[in-house]
Amino acid sequence: MTQTEAARLRSVSGRQTFSEILIRAGISSTINKGKRKRGDIFLLLAWLHMINSGYMKVDLGIWDKLTRLVIFLLFIAGLLGLAIWYLPLIKQNERWRKEILRFDVQIKKEQETGRQLQAAIKSLRTDSKAVERLARETFGYAKPGETVIRFEEPATNHNAR
């Protein structure tokens, strides 16, 4: 784009319609006659680029600022509405996670108890000394000629204080 075309483009800016700007720039007449020139089309593209890049901003005064403020407040209200809408679901999810953790701890304890019981069953099936020890401790059995001595816990007097 030459400097004269850029100057001509700057001179037509302002509050005008698109067709008025094209007529003042001298582009409309050549486009309508079918005599499209490369410079005219490049001039039109440059003008469109200036509009899209914010070169030709129109100040609407306080209404533009109020519109932006309202849009921002609506966005904040939407976010707040989503937070209020999903807050019960978030709380319920948190409760379920705590319950899952509690169940995981309980499962680990039960698995440990199961391992201990499996080890006890295995030892009773394979080790005769383990069976003998269990019979002595549980039922008070003794071999012939042995004396069994039992120790009992002393009775406590709960009323004497």
Protein backbone atom coordinates (compact mmCIF):
# COMPACT_ATOMS: atom_id res chain seq x y z
CA MET A 1 0.00 0.00 0.00
CA THR A 2 1.43 3.33 -0.96
CA GLN A 3 1.50 6.36 1.27
CA THR A 4 -1.16 8.15 -0.75
CA GLU A 5 -3.54 5.20 -0.41
CA ALA A 6 -2.91 5.08 3.35
CA ALA A 7 -3.54 8.83 3.60
CA ARG A 8 -6.73 8.47 1.57
CA LEU A 9 -7.79 5.62 3.88
CA ARG A 10 -7.13 7.68 7.01
CA SER A 11 -9.04 10.63 5.61
CA VAL A 12 -12.23 8.60 5.21
CA SER A 13 -12.36 7.34 8.81
CA GLY A 14 -15.07 8.61 11.13
CA ARG A 15 -18.73 7.95 11.74
CA GLN A 16 -19.84 6.83 8.30
CA THR A 17 -21.41 3.75 6.88
CA PHE A 18 -19.35 1.22 5.02
CA SER A 19 -20.69 2.26 1.61
CA GLU A 20 -20.04 5.97 2.34
CA ILE A 21 -16.45 5.20 3.21
CA LEU A 22 -16.02 3.16 0.02
CA ILE A 23 -17.49 5.96 -2.09
CA ARG A 24 -15.28 8.63 -0.46
CA ALA A 25 -12.23 6.40 -0.91
CA GLY A 26 -13.07 5.96 -4.56
CA ILE A 27 -13.28 2.20 -4.27
CA SER A 28 -16.99 1.69 -4.79
CA SER A 29 -17.11 3.16 -8.27
CA THR A 30 -14.34 0.95 -9.60
CA ILE A 31 -15.76 -2.18 -7.92
CA ASN A 32 -19.24 -1.51 -9.27
CA LYS A 33 -17.98 -0.95 -12.81
CA GLY A 34 -16.15 -4.27 -12.74
CA LYS A 35 -12.78 -2.53 -13.07
CA ARG A 36 -11.27 -3.92 -9.93
CA LYS A 37 -7.82 -2.66 -9.35
CA ARG A 38 -5.34 -4.40 -7.13
CA GLY A 39 -4.71 -1.25 -5.14
CA ASP A 40 -8.39 -0.77 -4.44
CA ILE A 41 -8.83 -4.28 -3.11
CA PHE A 42 -5.70 -3.99 -0.99
CA LEU A 43 -6.98 -0.66 0.27
CA LEU A 44 -10.28 -2.28 1.22
CA LEU A 45 -8.48 -5.12 3.01
CA ALA A 46 -6.28 -2.64 4.87
CA TRP A 47 -9.37 -0.68 5.92
CA LEU A 48 -11.04 -3.88 7.18
CA HIS A 49 -7.85 -4.74 9.07
CA MET A 50 -7.90 -1.32 10.73
CA ILE A 51 -11.48 -1.86 11.86
CA ASN A 52 -10.75 -5.32 13.26
CA SER A 53 -7.52 -4.30 14.97
CA GLY A 54 -9.25 -1.64 17.03
CA TYR A 55 -7.85 1.39 15.13
CA MET A 56 -11.33 2.79 14.68
CA LYS A 57 -12.80 2.52 18.17
CA VAL A 58 -16.01 4.33 18.92
CA ASP A 59 -16.35 5.69 22.45
CA LEU A 60 -19.86 5.06 23.69
CA GLY A 61 -19.19 6.82 26.96
CA ILE A 62 -20.60 5.42 30.16
CA TRP A 63 -22.83 2.88 28.39
CA ASP A 64 -19.84 0.89 27.19
CA LYS A 65 -18.45 0.76 30.72
CA LEU A 66 -21.83 -0.15 32.18
CA THR A 67 -22.28 -2.92 29.62
CA ARG A 68 -18.89 -4.36 30.49
CA LEU A 69 -19.67 -4.12 34.21
CA VAL A 70 -23.01 -5.89 33.75
CA ILE A 71 -21.40 -8.66 31.69
CA PHE A 72 -18.70 -9.09 34.34
CA LEU A 73 -21.28 -9.19 37.15
CA LEU A 74 -23.37 -11.73 35.22
CA PHE A 75 -20.28 -13.88 34.79
CA ILE A 76 -19.53 -13.70 38.53
CA ALA A 77 -23.19 -14.47 39.33
CA GLY A 78 -23.02 -17.48 37.02
CA LEU A 79 -19.90 -18.78 38.76
CA LEU A 80 -21.51 -18.22 42.15
CA GLY A 81 -24.66 -20.01 41.00
CA LEU A 82 -22.59 -22.99 39.83
CA ALA A 83 -20.77 -23.10 43.16
CA ILE A 84 -24.04 -23.07 45.10
CA TRP A 85 -25.57 -25.65 42.77
CA TYR A 86 -22.65 -28.09 43.13
CA LEU A 87 -21.81 -27.48 46.81
CA PRO A 88 -24.08 -30.32 48.08
CA LEU A 89 -22.54 -32.71 45.55
CA ILE A 90 -19.06 -31.70 46.63
CA LYS A 91 -19.94 -32.27 50.31
CA GLN A 92 -21.49 -35.66 49.51
CA ASN A 93 -18.39 -36.63 47.53
CA GLU A 94 -16.22 -35.66 50.49
CA ARG A 95 -18.32 -37.81 52.87
CA TRP A 96 -18.10 -40.77 50.53
CA ARG A 97 -14.32 -40.40 50.26
CA LYS A 98 -13.99 -40.39 54.06
CA GLU A 99 -16.19 -43.48 54.26
CA ILE A 100 -14.11 -45.21 51.58
CA LEU A 101 -10.94 -44.45 53.56
CA ARG A 102 -12.55 -45.83 56.72
CA PHE A 103 -13.57 -49.00 54.85
CA ASP A 104 -10.05 -49.35 53.43
CA VAL A 105 -8.59 -49.26 56.95
CA GLN A 106 -11.17 -51.82 58.12
CA ILE A 107 -10.39 -54.07 55.13
CA LYS A 108 -6.66 -53.98 55.94
CA LYS A 109 -7.35 -54.93 59.57
CA GLU A 110 -9.60 -57.80 58.50
CA GLN A 111 -7.02 -58.99 55.99
CA GLU A 112 -4.38 -59.05 58.72
CA THR A 113 -6.74 -60.99 61.00
CA GLY A 114 -7.42 -63.41 58.15
CA ARG A 115 -3.69 -63.94 57.58
CA GLN A 116 -3.17 -64.65 61.27
CA LEU A 117 -6.05 -67.15 61.32
CA GLN A 118 -4.76 -68.85 58.16
CA ALA A 119 -1.31 -69.15 59.76
CA ALA A 120 -2.88 -70.63 62.92
CA ILE A 121 -4.90 -73.15 60.87
CA LYS A 122 -1.82 -74.12 58.88
CA SER A 123 0.25 -74.64 62.04
CA LEU A 124 -2.52 -76.75 63.67
CA ARG A 125 -2.74 -78.95 60.56
CA THR A 126 0.99 -79.52 60.22
CA ASP A 127 2.56 -79.15 63.70
CA SER A 128 1.63 -81.65 66.43
CA LYS A 129 3.28 -79.49 69.13
CA ALA A 130 0.94 -76.64 68.24
CA VAL A 131 -2.07 -78.95 68.68
CA GLU A 132 -0.72 -80.13 72.04
CA ARG A 133 -0.12 -76.53 73.22
CA LEU A 134 -3.66 -75.52 72.18
CA ALA A 135 -5.16 -78.50 74.07
CA ARG A 136 -3.16 -77.63 77.20
CA GLU A 137 -4.06 -73.91 77.13
CA THR A 138 -7.69 -74.19 76.12
CA PHE A 139 -8.91 -77.34 77.80
CA GLY A 140 -6.38 -77.76 80.60
CA TYR A 141 -5.20 -81.17 79.38
CA ALA A 142 -2.00 -82.69 80.72
CA LYS A 143 0.12 -85.72 79.98
CA PRO A 144 -0.06 -88.58 82.45
CA GLY A 145 2.09 -87.78 85.47
CA GLU A 146 2.04 -83.95 84.92
CA THR A 147 0.59 -81.56 87.42
CA VAL A 148 -1.45 -78.63 86.08
CA ILE A 149 -1.35 -75.40 88.04
CA ARG A 150 -3.92 -72.78 87.13
CA PHE A 151 -3.58 -69.15 88.00
CA GLU A 152 -6.77 -67.18 88.31
CA GLU A 153 -7.11 -63.46 88.47
CA PRO A 154 -7.92 -62.15 91.92
CA ALA A 155 -11.49 -61.03 92.50
CA THR A 156 -11.79 -57.29 92.82
CA ASN A 157 -14.16 -55.53 95.13
CA HIS A 158 -15.79 -52.76 93.09
CA ASN A 159 -17.79 -51.40 96.04
CA ALA A 160 -14.82 -50.73 98.31
CA ARG A 161 -13.44 -47.32 97.59
